[in-house]
Amino acid sequence: MTIDIRERVLNSMEELAYRKGLIAATMDELAAAAGISKRTLYRYFDSKEKVIEGVVHRLTGRIERDVDAVVDSDLPPPEKLRRIVALIYENIRFIDAIAFQELQKHYPHIWAYIDKFRAARIGRFKKILEEGIQSGYFKAVNPQLTITALLAAVRAIINPDFITRHALSLDDAFKELFNLFFNGISRK
C-alpha cells in the first residue's frame, strides 16, 4: 500500500507541476489531487522538498533506464540520438524555466543532483558518437571534445538564468540546442 500512495503523490505532483509550476503547487493541493488527507501526505513525505526530491529521483531513474535501453539497442546511431533527446524532452516537459530557476534558488542540492545527473548521462552520447563516426553516419569529430562542448552548452543554455534572460521556453532552448548539435555532427 505504501508504494501506491507514494506513486499517487508523485504522479499528482508531476500533474500539478505541469499545470501550475513545481514550486507554486501547495501541499494542500497535492493532497487533494492525490485523493488523500494532508495528514496522510505528511506521513509519507515530511515536506514539499521531499516530494520534489522524490519526483526528481523517479524522473532521473526513468530517464537513466530508458537512455540505457536506447544506447544498448541495435538502432543506427542517428536514431539513437533522436530517441534519447525525445525521451529526455518528454520526461522533463512538465518543468518550465521558472521551476528550473526556483529549484536552483530554493533547492540548490536538488539542482546540484540534476546537474551531476546531466553530466553523467551526456557521457553516454560519447559511445553513440563513436559508433556513428565508425559507421560513417557522423563526421570524424573528436568525441571527447564534442561531448565536453555539448555538456558545456547544456549547462549554459538549459539553465534557468539563460532561459529567462533570453525569454525562451525550455522547449525552444532544448530543441534548438540539440538541433544545432545534430546538424554539426551529421553527414548530409
N, C-alpha and C. Protein backbone atom coordinates (compact mmCIF):
# COMPACT_ATOMS: atom_id res chain seq x y z
N MET A 1 0.82 -1.20 0.00
CA MET A 1 0.00 0.00 0.00
C MET A 1 0.86 1.27 0.00
N THR A 2 1.99 1.22 0.68
CA THR A 2 2.88 2.38 0.76
C THR A 2 3.29 2.85 -0.62
N ILE A 3 3.67 1.92 -1.48
CA ILE A 3 4.13 2.29 -2.82
C ILE A 3 3.00 2.95 -3.60
N ASP A 4 1.79 2.45 -3.49
CA ASP A 4 0.66 3.03 -4.21
C ASP A 4 0.45 4.49 -3.83
N ILE A 5 0.47 4.79 -2.55
CA ILE A 5 0.25 6.17 -2.10
C ILE A 5 1.42 7.05 -2.53
N ARG A 6 2.64 6.58 -2.34
CA ARG A 6 3.81 7.36 -2.77
C ARG A 6 3.74 7.66 -4.26
N GLU A 7 3.43 6.65 -5.05
CA GLU A 7 3.33 6.84 -6.51
C GLU A 7 2.21 7.82 -6.86
N ARG A 8 1.08 7.71 -6.18
CA ARG A 8 -0.03 8.64 -6.44
C ARG A 8 0.39 10.07 -6.13
N VAL A 9 1.10 10.25 -5.03
CA VAL A 9 1.57 11.59 -4.66
C VAL A 9 2.54 12.12 -5.72
N LEU A 10 3.50 11.29 -6.12
CA LEU A 10 4.48 11.73 -7.12
C LEU A 10 3.82 12.02 -8.47
N ASN A 11 2.87 11.16 -8.87
CA ASN A 11 2.13 11.41 -10.11
C ASN A 11 1.35 12.71 -10.02
N SER A 12 0.71 12.92 -8.88
CA SER A 12 -0.08 14.15 -8.69
C SER A 12 0.82 15.38 -8.70
N MET A 13 2.01 15.27 -8.12
CA MET A 13 2.93 16.41 -8.12
C MET A 13 3.37 16.73 -9.55
N GLU A 14 3.64 15.70 -10.36
CA GLU A 14 4.01 15.95 -11.76
C GLU A 14 2.87 16.67 -12.49
N GLU A 15 1.64 16.21 -12.27
CA GLU A 15 0.48 16.84 -12.93
C GLU A 15 0.30 18.28 -12.46
N LEU A 16 0.40 18.51 -11.16
CA LEU A 16 0.30 19.87 -10.63
C LEU A 16 1.42 20.76 -11.17
N ALA A 17 2.62 20.21 -11.23
CA ALA A 17 3.76 20.98 -11.73
C ALA A 17 3.54 21.37 -13.18
N TYR A 18 2.96 20.49 -13.95
CA TYR A 18 2.69 20.78 -15.36
C TYR A 18 1.66 21.90 -15.50
N ARG A 19 0.66 21.90 -14.63
CA ARG A 19 -0.40 22.91 -14.70
C ARG A 19 -0.03 24.22 -14.02
N LYS A 20 0.59 24.16 -12.84
CA LYS A 20 0.82 25.34 -12.01
C LYS A 20 2.27 25.75 -11.86
N GLY A 21 3.15 24.80 -12.06
CA GLY A 21 4.56 25.02 -11.75
C GLY A 21 4.94 24.19 -10.53
N LEU A 22 6.13 23.73 -10.51
CA LEU A 22 6.62 22.84 -9.46
C LEU A 22 6.59 23.51 -8.09
N ILE A 23 7.03 24.74 -8.02
CA ILE A 23 7.14 25.43 -6.74
C ILE A 23 5.79 25.98 -6.29
N ALA A 24 4.94 26.39 -7.22
CA ALA A 24 3.66 27.00 -6.87
C ALA A 24 2.67 26.01 -6.27
N ALA A 25 2.81 24.74 -6.58
CA ALA A 25 1.89 23.73 -6.05
C ALA A 25 2.03 23.65 -4.53
N THR A 26 0.90 23.62 -3.85
CA THR A 26 0.93 23.55 -2.38
C THR A 26 0.69 22.12 -1.91
N MET A 27 1.03 21.87 -0.66
CA MET A 27 0.79 20.54 -0.08
C MET A 27 -0.72 20.27 0.02
N ASP A 28 -1.52 21.30 0.29
CA ASP A 28 -2.98 21.13 0.32
C ASP A 28 -3.48 20.66 -1.05
N GLU A 29 -3.04 21.34 -2.09
CA GLU A 29 -3.44 20.96 -3.46
C GLU A 29 -2.94 19.56 -3.81
N LEU A 30 -1.75 19.25 -3.37
CA LEU A 30 -1.18 17.95 -3.66
C LEU A 30 -1.97 16.83 -2.99
N ALA A 31 -2.32 17.03 -1.73
CA ALA A 31 -3.11 16.03 -1.01
C ALA A 31 -4.46 15.83 -1.71
N ALA A 32 -5.10 16.93 -2.08
CA ALA A 32 -6.40 16.83 -2.77
C ALA A 32 -6.25 16.12 -4.12
N ALA A 33 -5.22 16.46 -4.87
CA ALA A 33 -5.01 15.85 -6.18
C ALA A 33 -4.72 14.35 -6.06
N ALA A 34 -4.03 13.96 -4.99
CA ALA A 34 -3.70 12.54 -4.78
C ALA A 34 -4.85 11.77 -4.14
N GLY A 35 -5.88 12.51 -3.70
CA GLY A 35 -7.03 11.86 -3.08
C GLY A 35 -6.74 11.32 -1.69
N ILE A 36 -5.88 12.04 -0.97
CA ILE A 36 -5.54 11.62 0.40
C ILE A 36 -5.63 12.84 1.31
N SER A 37 -5.62 12.58 2.61
CA SER A 37 -5.63 13.70 3.55
C SER A 37 -4.23 14.30 3.64
N LYS A 38 -4.18 15.52 4.11
CA LYS A 38 -2.89 16.18 4.28
C LYS A 38 -2.06 15.42 5.33
N ARG A 39 -2.74 14.89 6.33
CA ARG A 39 -2.06 14.10 7.36
C ARG A 39 -1.38 12.87 6.74
N THR A 40 -2.09 12.19 5.86
CA THR A 40 -1.53 11.02 5.18
C THR A 40 -0.35 11.44 4.31
N LEU A 41 -0.49 12.55 3.62
CA LEU A 41 0.59 13.05 2.78
C LEU A 41 1.86 13.24 3.61
N TYR A 42 1.71 13.87 4.78
CA TYR A 42 2.88 14.12 5.63
C TYR A 42 3.42 12.84 6.27
N ARG A 43 2.63 11.80 6.31
CA ARG A 43 3.13 10.51 6.81
C ARG A 43 4.16 9.93 5.82
N TYR A 44 3.96 10.21 4.54
CA TYR A 44 4.84 9.67 3.51
C TYR A 44 5.95 10.63 3.09
N PHE A 45 5.65 11.91 3.14
CA PHE A 45 6.62 12.94 2.76
C PHE A 45 6.56 14.03 3.82
N ASP A 46 7.64 14.23 4.56
CA ASP A 46 7.56 15.18 5.66
C ASP A 46 7.68 16.64 5.23
N SER A 47 7.90 16.87 3.93
CA SER A 47 7.95 18.25 3.44
C SER A 47 7.75 18.26 1.92
N LYS A 48 7.46 19.43 1.42
CA LYS A 48 7.33 19.59 -0.03
C LYS A 48 8.67 19.29 -0.71
N GLU A 49 9.75 19.65 -0.05
CA GLU A 49 11.08 19.38 -0.58
C GLU A 49 11.27 17.88 -0.82
N LYS A 50 10.79 17.05 0.10
CA LYS A 50 10.91 15.59 -0.05
C LYS A 50 10.08 15.10 -1.23
N VAL A 51 8.93 15.72 -1.46
CA VAL A 51 8.11 15.34 -2.62
C VAL A 51 8.86 15.69 -3.91
N ILE A 52 9.42 16.89 -3.95
CA ILE A 52 10.17 17.33 -5.13
C ILE A 52 11.37 16.41 -5.36
N GLU A 53 12.08 16.07 -4.28
CA GLU A 53 13.19 15.13 -4.41
C GLU A 53 12.71 13.80 -4.98
N GLY A 54 11.57 13.32 -4.48
CA GLY A 54 11.00 12.07 -4.98
C GLY A 54 10.68 12.13 -6.46
N VAL A 55 10.09 13.24 -6.89
CA VAL A 55 9.77 13.42 -8.31
C VAL A 55 11.05 13.42 -9.14
N VAL A 56 12.05 14.16 -8.69
CA VAL A 56 13.31 14.27 -9.44
C VAL A 56 14.03 12.92 -9.50
N HIS A 57 14.08 12.20 -8.39
CA HIS A 57 14.76 10.90 -8.38
C HIS A 57 14.02 9.88 -9.25
N ARG A 58 12.71 9.90 -9.20
CA ARG A 58 11.94 8.98 -10.05
C ARG A 58 12.15 9.33 -11.52
N LEU A 59 12.14 10.62 -11.81
CA LEU A 59 12.34 11.09 -13.17
C LEU A 59 13.72 10.72 -13.70
N THR A 60 14.75 10.96 -12.92
CA THR A 60 16.10 10.63 -13.38
C THR A 60 16.29 9.12 -13.51
N GLY A 61 15.66 8.35 -12.63
CA GLY A 61 15.72 6.89 -12.75
C GLY A 61 15.08 6.40 -14.04
N ARG A 62 13.94 6.99 -14.36
CA ARG A 62 13.22 6.63 -15.60
C ARG A 62 14.06 7.01 -16.83
N ILE A 63 14.64 8.21 -16.80
CA ILE A 63 15.47 8.64 -17.93
C ILE A 63 16.69 7.72 -18.06
N GLU A 64 17.33 7.41 -16.95
CA GLU A 64 18.52 6.55 -17.00
C GLU A 64 18.19 5.18 -17.59
N ARG A 65 17.11 4.59 -17.14
CA ARG A 65 16.69 3.27 -17.65
C ARG A 65 16.41 3.33 -19.15
N ASP A 66 15.65 4.35 -19.56
CA ASP A 66 15.28 4.47 -20.97
C ASP A 66 16.47 4.79 -21.87
N VAL A 67 17.36 5.66 -21.40
CA VAL A 67 18.56 6.01 -22.17
C VAL A 67 19.45 4.78 -22.33
N ASP A 68 19.64 4.04 -21.26
CA ASP A 68 20.47 2.83 -21.34
C ASP A 68 19.90 1.83 -22.34
N ALA A 69 18.58 1.68 -22.37
CA ALA A 69 17.94 0.75 -23.32
C ALA A 69 18.20 1.19 -24.76
N VAL A 70 18.12 2.50 -25.02
CA VAL A 70 18.36 3.00 -26.37
C VAL A 70 19.84 2.84 -26.74
N VAL A 71 20.74 3.21 -25.84
CA VAL A 71 22.17 3.11 -26.12
C VAL A 71 22.55 1.66 -26.44
N ASP A 72 21.98 0.72 -25.72
CA ASP A 72 22.31 -0.69 -25.90
C ASP A 72 21.55 -1.36 -27.04
N SER A 73 20.67 -0.63 -27.71
CA SER A 73 19.86 -1.21 -28.79
C SER A 73 20.67 -1.32 -30.09
N ASP A 74 20.06 -1.95 -31.08
CA ASP A 74 20.70 -2.11 -32.39
C ASP A 74 20.32 -1.00 -33.37
N LEU A 75 19.70 0.05 -32.90
CA LEU A 75 19.31 1.16 -33.77
C LEU A 75 20.56 1.84 -34.35
N PRO A 76 20.43 2.46 -35.53
CA PRO A 76 21.56 3.23 -36.06
C PRO A 76 21.83 4.45 -35.15
N PRO A 77 23.08 4.88 -35.06
CA PRO A 77 23.44 5.98 -34.15
C PRO A 77 22.58 7.25 -34.28
N PRO A 78 22.25 7.73 -35.49
CA PRO A 78 21.42 8.94 -35.54
C PRO A 78 20.04 8.73 -34.89
N GLU A 79 19.47 7.54 -35.08
CA GLU A 79 18.17 7.25 -34.48
C GLU A 79 18.28 7.13 -32.96
N LYS A 80 19.39 6.57 -32.48
CA LYS A 80 19.61 6.50 -31.03
C LYS A 80 19.61 7.91 -30.43
N LEU A 81 20.35 8.82 -31.06
CA LEU A 81 20.41 10.19 -30.54
C LEU A 81 19.05 10.85 -30.57
N ARG A 82 18.32 10.69 -31.68
CA ARG A 82 16.98 11.28 -31.77
C ARG A 82 16.07 10.75 -30.67
N ARG A 83 16.09 9.45 -30.46
CA ARG A 83 15.22 8.85 -29.44
C ARG A 83 15.60 9.29 -28.03
N ILE A 84 16.89 9.38 -27.77
CA ILE A 84 17.32 9.82 -26.44
C ILE A 84 16.88 11.25 -26.18
N VAL A 85 17.08 12.12 -27.15
CA VAL A 85 16.66 13.52 -26.99
C VAL A 85 15.15 13.59 -26.80
N ALA A 86 14.40 12.82 -27.58
CA ALA A 86 12.93 12.82 -27.46
C ALA A 86 12.49 12.31 -26.09
N LEU A 87 13.10 11.26 -25.60
CA LEU A 87 12.66 10.73 -24.31
C LEU A 87 13.05 11.64 -23.16
N ILE A 88 14.20 12.29 -23.26
CA ILE A 88 14.57 13.26 -22.21
C ILE A 88 13.58 14.41 -22.23
N TYR A 89 13.30 14.93 -23.41
CA TYR A 89 12.35 16.03 -23.52
C TYR A 89 10.99 15.62 -22.97
N GLU A 90 10.51 14.46 -23.34
CA GLU A 90 9.20 14.00 -22.89
C GLU A 90 9.14 13.90 -21.36
N ASN A 91 10.25 13.52 -20.76
CA ASN A 91 10.28 13.36 -19.31
C ASN A 91 10.42 14.68 -18.55
N ILE A 92 10.97 15.71 -19.18
CA ILE A 92 11.15 16.98 -18.45
C ILE A 92 10.19 18.06 -18.89
N ARG A 93 9.28 17.76 -19.80
CA ARG A 93 8.41 18.79 -20.35
C ARG A 93 7.54 19.49 -19.29
N PHE A 94 7.28 18.83 -18.16
CA PHE A 94 6.44 19.44 -17.14
C PHE A 94 7.19 20.45 -16.29
N ILE A 95 8.51 20.54 -16.47
CA ILE A 95 9.30 21.50 -15.70
C ILE A 95 9.57 22.71 -16.58
N ASP A 96 9.05 23.85 -16.21
CA ASP A 96 9.27 25.04 -17.03
C ASP A 96 10.51 25.80 -16.54
N ALA A 97 10.87 26.84 -17.26
CA ALA A 97 12.08 27.61 -16.93
C ALA A 97 12.00 28.22 -15.54
N ILE A 98 10.81 28.66 -15.15
CA ILE A 98 10.65 29.25 -13.82
C ILE A 98 10.89 28.20 -12.75
N ALA A 99 10.37 26.99 -12.97
CA ALA A 99 10.59 25.91 -12.00
C ALA A 99 12.08 25.58 -11.90
N PHE A 100 12.78 25.56 -13.04
CA PHE A 100 14.22 25.34 -13.01
C PHE A 100 14.90 26.41 -12.15
N GLN A 101 14.49 27.65 -12.37
CA GLN A 101 15.09 28.76 -11.63
C GLN A 101 14.78 28.64 -10.14
N GLU A 102 13.54 28.27 -9.82
CA GLU A 102 13.16 28.11 -8.42
C GLU A 102 13.87 26.93 -7.77
N LEU A 103 14.04 25.85 -8.51
CA LEU A 103 14.81 24.71 -7.98
C LEU A 103 16.23 25.15 -7.65
N GLN A 104 16.83 25.88 -8.58
CA GLN A 104 18.20 26.34 -8.39
C GLN A 104 18.31 27.26 -7.17
N LYS A 105 17.31 28.10 -6.98
CA LYS A 105 17.34 29.08 -5.89
C LYS A 105 16.94 28.48 -4.54
N HIS A 106 15.83 27.74 -4.51
CA HIS A 106 15.28 27.26 -3.25
C HIS A 106 15.76 25.87 -2.83
N TYR A 107 16.17 25.07 -3.80
CA TYR A 107 16.61 23.70 -3.52
C TYR A 107 17.94 23.43 -4.23
N PRO A 108 19.01 24.14 -3.84
CA PRO A 108 20.28 24.00 -4.57
C PRO A 108 20.83 22.58 -4.57
N HIS A 109 20.56 21.80 -3.53
CA HIS A 109 21.07 20.42 -3.52
C HIS A 109 20.35 19.57 -4.56
N ILE A 110 19.08 19.85 -4.82
CA ILE A 110 18.35 19.13 -5.87
C ILE A 110 18.89 19.56 -7.23
N TRP A 111 19.15 20.86 -7.39
CA TRP A 111 19.71 21.35 -8.65
C TRP A 111 21.09 20.73 -8.89
N ALA A 112 21.91 20.62 -7.84
CA ALA A 112 23.24 20.01 -7.98
C ALA A 112 23.12 18.55 -8.40
N TYR A 113 22.13 17.85 -7.85
CA TYR A 113 21.89 16.46 -8.24
C TYR A 113 21.52 16.38 -9.73
N ILE A 114 20.64 17.29 -10.18
CA ILE A 114 20.23 17.31 -11.59
C ILE A 114 21.44 17.58 -12.48
N ASP A 115 22.27 18.54 -12.09
CA ASP A 115 23.44 18.87 -12.90
C ASP A 115 24.41 17.69 -12.98
N LYS A 116 24.63 17.02 -11.87
CA LYS A 116 25.51 15.84 -11.86
C LYS A 116 24.92 14.73 -12.73
N PHE A 117 23.62 14.55 -12.66
CA PHE A 117 22.95 13.54 -13.48
C PHE A 117 23.11 13.87 -14.96
N ARG A 118 22.89 15.14 -15.32
CA ARG A 118 23.04 15.55 -16.73
C ARG A 118 24.44 15.23 -17.24
N ALA A 119 25.44 15.56 -16.44
CA ALA A 119 26.83 15.33 -16.86
C ALA A 119 27.09 13.83 -17.07
N ALA A 120 26.58 13.01 -16.18
CA ALA A 120 26.79 11.56 -16.31
C ALA A 120 26.06 10.99 -17.52
N ARG A 121 24.85 11.45 -17.77
CA ARG A 121 24.06 10.91 -18.90
C ARG A 121 24.60 11.41 -20.23
N ILE A 122 25.06 12.62 -20.29
CA ILE A 122 25.59 13.14 -21.55
C ILE A 122 26.80 12.34 -21.97
N GLY A 123 27.53 11.79 -21.01
CA GLY A 123 28.66 10.93 -21.33
C GLY A 123 28.26 9.72 -22.16
N ARG A 124 27.01 9.28 -22.04
CA ARG A 124 26.52 8.15 -22.84
C ARG A 124 26.47 8.51 -24.33
N PHE A 125 26.36 9.78 -24.63
CA PHE A 125 26.36 10.23 -26.02
C PHE A 125 27.69 9.89 -26.69
N LYS A 126 28.76 9.86 -25.92
CA LYS A 126 30.09 9.60 -26.49
C LYS A 126 30.11 8.24 -27.18
N LYS A 127 29.54 7.24 -26.54
CA LYS A 127 29.51 5.89 -27.13
C LYS A 127 28.77 5.91 -28.47
N ILE A 128 27.64 6.60 -28.50
CA ILE A 128 26.85 6.68 -29.73
C ILE A 128 27.61 7.47 -30.80
N LEU A 129 28.25 8.54 -30.38
CA LEU A 129 29.03 9.36 -31.31
C LEU A 129 30.16 8.53 -31.94
N GLU A 130 30.86 7.76 -31.12
CA GLU A 130 31.93 6.91 -31.64
C GLU A 130 31.39 5.87 -32.62
N GLU A 131 30.24 5.26 -32.29
CA GLU A 131 29.60 4.29 -33.20
C GLU A 131 29.25 4.96 -34.53
N GLY A 132 28.69 6.17 -34.44
CA GLY A 132 28.28 6.89 -35.64
C GLY A 132 29.44 7.30 -36.52
N ILE A 133 30.56 7.65 -35.90
CA ILE A 133 31.76 8.01 -36.67
C ILE A 133 32.30 6.77 -37.38
N GLN A 134 32.40 5.67 -36.65
CA GLN A 134 32.92 4.42 -37.23
C GLN A 134 32.05 3.91 -38.37
N SER A 135 30.74 4.09 -38.26
CA SER A 135 29.84 3.58 -39.30
C SER A 135 29.55 4.60 -40.39
N GLY A 136 30.14 5.80 -40.30
CA GLY A 136 30.01 6.79 -41.36
C GLY A 136 28.79 7.69 -41.27
N TYR A 137 28.02 7.59 -40.20
CA TYR A 137 26.85 8.46 -40.04
C TYR A 137 27.25 9.88 -39.64
N PHE A 138 28.30 9.98 -38.84
CA PHE A 138 28.72 11.27 -38.32
C PHE A 138 30.10 11.65 -38.85
N LYS A 139 30.35 12.94 -38.86
CA LYS A 139 31.66 13.46 -39.25
C LYS A 139 32.73 12.93 -38.29
N ALA A 140 33.96 12.92 -38.74
CA ALA A 140 35.08 12.45 -37.91
C ALA A 140 35.49 13.55 -36.95
N VAL A 141 34.70 13.73 -35.91
CA VAL A 141 34.99 14.74 -34.89
C VAL A 141 35.67 14.05 -33.71
N ASN A 142 36.29 14.84 -32.86
CA ASN A 142 36.87 14.30 -31.63
C ASN A 142 35.72 14.06 -30.65
N PRO A 143 35.41 12.80 -30.33
CA PRO A 143 34.25 12.52 -29.48
C PRO A 143 34.32 13.19 -28.11
N GLN A 144 35.48 13.16 -27.46
CA GLN A 144 35.59 13.75 -26.13
C GLN A 144 35.38 15.26 -26.18
N LEU A 145 35.99 15.91 -27.15
CA LEU A 145 35.83 17.36 -27.31
C LEU A 145 34.37 17.70 -27.60
N THR A 146 33.74 16.94 -28.48
CA THR A 146 32.35 17.19 -28.86
C THR A 146 31.41 17.02 -27.66
N ILE A 147 31.60 15.97 -26.89
CA ILE A 147 30.74 15.72 -25.73
C ILE A 147 30.99 16.77 -24.65
N THR A 148 32.24 17.16 -24.46
CA THR A 148 32.55 18.21 -23.48
C THR A 148 31.90 19.53 -23.89
N ALA A 149 31.95 19.84 -25.18
CA ALA A 149 31.30 21.06 -25.68
C ALA A 149 29.79 20.98 -25.51
N LEU A 150 29.22 19.80 -25.77
CA LEU A 150 27.77 19.63 -25.60
C LEU A 150 27.38 19.82 -24.14
N LEU A 151 28.14 19.23 -23.23
CA LEU A 151 27.84 19.39 -21.80
C LEU A 151 27.93 20.86 -21.39
N ALA A 152 28.96 21.55 -21.86
CA ALA A 152 29.10 22.97 -21.54
C ALA A 152 27.92 23.76 -22.09
N ALA A 153 27.48 23.42 -23.30
CA ALA A 153 26.33 24.10 -23.90
C ALA A 153 25.06 23.81 -23.13
N VAL A 154 24.87 22.56 -22.73
CA VAL A 154 23.68 22.20 -21.94
C VAL A 154 23.67 22.99 -20.63
N ARG A 155 24.82 23.04 -19.96
CA ARG A 155 24.89 23.77 -18.69
C ARG A 155 24.65 25.27 -18.89
N ALA A 156 25.10 25.81 -20.01
CA ALA A 156 24.94 27.25 -20.26
C ALA A 156 23.55 27.61 -20.77
N ILE A 157 22.95 26.74 -21.58
CA ILE A 157 21.69 27.08 -22.24
C ILE A 157 20.48 26.49 -21.54
N ILE A 158 20.53 25.22 -21.15
CA ILE A 158 19.42 24.61 -20.43
C ILE A 158 19.63 24.98 -18.96
N ASN A 159 19.53 26.25 -18.73
CA ASN A 159 19.88 26.86 -17.46
C ASN A 159 18.84 27.94 -17.18
N PRO A 160 18.33 27.99 -15.96
CA PRO A 160 17.26 28.95 -15.64
C PRO A 160 17.59 30.39 -15.99
N ASP A 161 18.79 30.84 -15.65
CA ASP A 161 19.15 32.24 -15.90
C ASP A 161 19.15 32.55 -17.39
N PHE A 162 19.77 31.69 -18.19
CA PHE A 162 19.85 31.92 -19.63
C PHE A 162 18.45 31.92 -20.25
N ILE A 163 17.66 30.94 -19.90
CA ILE A 163 16.32 30.80 -20.49
C ILE A 163 15.45 32.00 -20.17
N THR A 164 15.44 32.44 -18.93
CA THR A 164 14.60 33.60 -18.58
C THR A 164 15.17 34.90 -19.13
N ARG A 165 16.50 35.04 -19.11
CA ARG A 165 17.12 36.27 -19.62
C ARG A 165 16.85 36.47 -21.11
N HIS A 166 16.75 35.37 -21.85
CA HIS A 166 16.54 35.46 -23.29
C HIS A 166 15.11 35.15 -23.70
N ALA A 167 14.21 35.14 -22.73
CA ALA A 167 12.77 34.93 -22.97
C ALA A 167 12.50 33.69 -23.84
N LEU A 168 13.18 32.61 -23.51
CA LEU A 168 12.98 31.35 -24.22
C LEU A 168 12.10 30.44 -23.38
N SER A 169 11.52 29.47 -24.04
CA SER A 169 10.88 28.40 -23.28
C SER A 169 11.91 27.29 -23.17
N LEU A 170 11.74 26.44 -22.18
CA LEU A 170 12.63 25.28 -22.05
C LEU A 170 12.55 24.44 -23.32
N ASP A 171 11.35 24.31 -23.85
CA ASP A 171 11.10 23.56 -25.08
C ASP A 171 11.95 24.10 -26.23
N ASP A 172 11.88 25.41 -26.46
CA ASP A 172 12.64 26.02 -27.56
C ASP A 172 14.15 25.87 -27.36
N ALA A 173 14.61 26.13 -26.15
CA ALA A 173 16.05 26.04 -25.87
C ALA A 173 16.55 24.61 -26.09
N PHE A 174 15.80 23.66 -25.59
CA PHE A 174 16.17 22.25 -25.72
C PHE A 174 16.23 21.82 -27.18
N LYS A 175 15.18 22.14 -27.93
CA LYS A 175 15.12 21.74 -29.34
C LYS A 175 16.21 22.41 -30.17
N GLU A 176 16.43 23.70 -29.96
CA GLU A 176 17.45 24.42 -30.72
C GLU A 176 18.85 23.88 -30.44
N LEU A 177 19.15 23.64 -29.17
CA LEU A 177 20.47 23.15 -28.81
C LEU A 177 20.75 21.81 -29.47
N PHE A 178 19.81 20.89 -29.38
CA PHE A 178 20.07 19.57 -29.94
C PHE A 178 19.98 19.56 -31.47
N ASN A 179 19.21 20.46 -32.05
CA ASN A 179 19.20 20.61 -33.50
C ASN A 179 20.59 21.08 -33.97
N LEU A 180 21.14 22.04 -33.27
CA LEU A 180 22.48 22.54 -33.58
C LEU A 180 23.51 21.41 -33.45
N PHE A 181 23.41 20.63 -32.40
CA PHE A 181 24.33 19.52 -32.18
C PHE A 181 24.24 18.50 -33.32
N PHE A 182 23.01 18.07 -33.65
CA PHE A 182 22.83 17.08 -34.72
C PHE A 182 23.35 17.59 -36.06
N ASN A 183 23.02 18.82 -36.38
CA ASN A 183 23.48 19.38 -37.66
C ASN A 183 25.00 19.51 -37.71
N GLY A 184 25.59 19.74 -36.56
CA GLY A 184 27.05 19.88 -36.51
C GLY A 184 27.80 18.58 -36.72
N ILE A 185 27.22 17.45 -36.32
CA ILE A 185 27.94 16.18 -36.43
C ILE A 185 27.50 15.31 -37.59
N SER A 186 26.31 15.58 -38.14
CA SER A 186 25.75 14.71 -39.18
C SER A 186 26.40 14.93 -40.53
N ARG A 187 26.56 13.84 -41.23
CA ARG A 187 26.98 13.91 -42.64
C ARG A 187 25.69 14.04 -43.43
N LYS A 188 25.68 14.96 -44.38
CA LYS A 188 24.44 15.14 -45.17
C LYS A 188 24.66 14.79 -46.60
